[in-house]
Amino acid sequence: MNPMTLALVGAGLTGFALGAFFTATGKLEMGVILMGLGLMFQVISLVRLKRAKTRDGSDARG
């Protein structure tokens, strides 16, 4: 797996977790922004994984 994809996955999970923490502690605006950024990073990483899968020509359906 590409290191950039792994970095995006880590940033997405960290951003979403920090956003959930800030939302729970009362900083609603900051929490929502961080959760949105975390989700955006997750979507970007999933797109990169899908492109890598189709580029390799592998089929995981068996």
Protein backbone atom coordinates (compact mmCIF):
# COMPACT_ATOMS: atom_id res chain seq x y z
CA MET A 1 0.00 0.00 0.00
CA ASN A 2 1.20 3.47 -0.85
CA PRO A 3 2.60 5.45 2.13
CA MET A 4 0.58 8.50 1.07
CA THR A 5 -2.62 6.47 1.26
CA LEU A 6 -1.68 5.27 4.74
CA ALA A 7 -1.00 8.87 5.79
CA LEU A 8 -4.44 9.92 4.51
CA VAL A 9 -6.08 7.07 6.41
CA GLY A 10 -4.27 8.10 9.60
CA ALA A 11 -5.18 11.75 9.12
CA GLY A 12 -8.80 10.81 8.52
CA LEU A 13 -9.10 8.68 11.62
CA THR A 14 -7.26 11.18 13.79
CA GLY A 15 -9.28 14.11 12.49
CA PHE A 16 -12.57 12.35 13.06
CA ALA A 17 -11.56 11.25 16.57
CA LEU A 18 -10.41 14.75 17.52
CA GLY A 19 -13.61 16.19 16.08
CA ALA A 20 -15.71 13.82 18.15
CA PHE A 21 -13.71 14.76 21.25
CA PHE A 22 -14.10 18.50 20.68
CA THR A 23 -17.80 18.12 19.97
CA ALA A 24 -18.29 16.16 23.18
CA THR A 25 -16.36 18.70 25.26
CA GLY A 26 -18.43 21.65 24.06
CA LYS A 27 -16.44 23.17 21.18
CA LEU A 28 -19.12 22.31 18.64
CA GLU A 29 -17.89 24.33 15.66
CA MET A 30 -14.31 23.09 15.88
CA GLY A 31 -15.50 19.52 16.35
CA VAL A 32 -17.77 19.58 13.33
CA ILE A 33 -15.01 21.06 11.15
CA LEU A 34 -12.51 18.42 12.25
CA MET A 35 -14.99 15.60 11.74
CA GLY A 36 -15.74 16.89 8.25
CA LEU A 37 -12.05 17.05 7.40
CA GLY A 38 -11.55 13.54 8.77
CA LEU A 39 -14.34 12.21 6.60
CA MET A 40 -12.90 14.01 3.58
CA PHE A 41 -9.51 12.36 4.14
CA GLN A 42 -11.21 8.97 4.47
CA VAL A 43 -13.04 9.43 1.17
CA ILE A 44 -9.82 10.46 -0.57
CA SER A 45 -8.01 7.40 0.78
CA LEU A 46 -10.85 5.08 -0.30
CA VAL A 47 -10.75 6.55 -3.82
CA ARG A 48 -6.98 6.01 -3.95
CA LEU A 49 -7.41 2.39 -2.81
CA LYS A 50 -10.08 1.77 -5.44
CA ARG A 51 -7.90 3.26 -8.19
CA ALA A 52 -4.93 1.16 -7.08
CA LYS A 53 -7.09 -1.97 -7.14
CA THR A 54 -8.39 -1.33 -10.65
CA ARG A 55 -4.93 -0.38 -11.90
CA ASP A 56 -3.50 -3.68 -10.68
CA GLY A 57 -6.32 -5.61 -12.30
CA SER A 58 -6.92 -7.69 -9.19
CA ASP A 59 -10.40 -8.97 -8.44
CA ALA A 60 -11.20 -9.75 -4.80
CA ARG A 61 -14.54 -11.40 -5.56
CA GLY A 62 -12.93 -14.78 -6.01
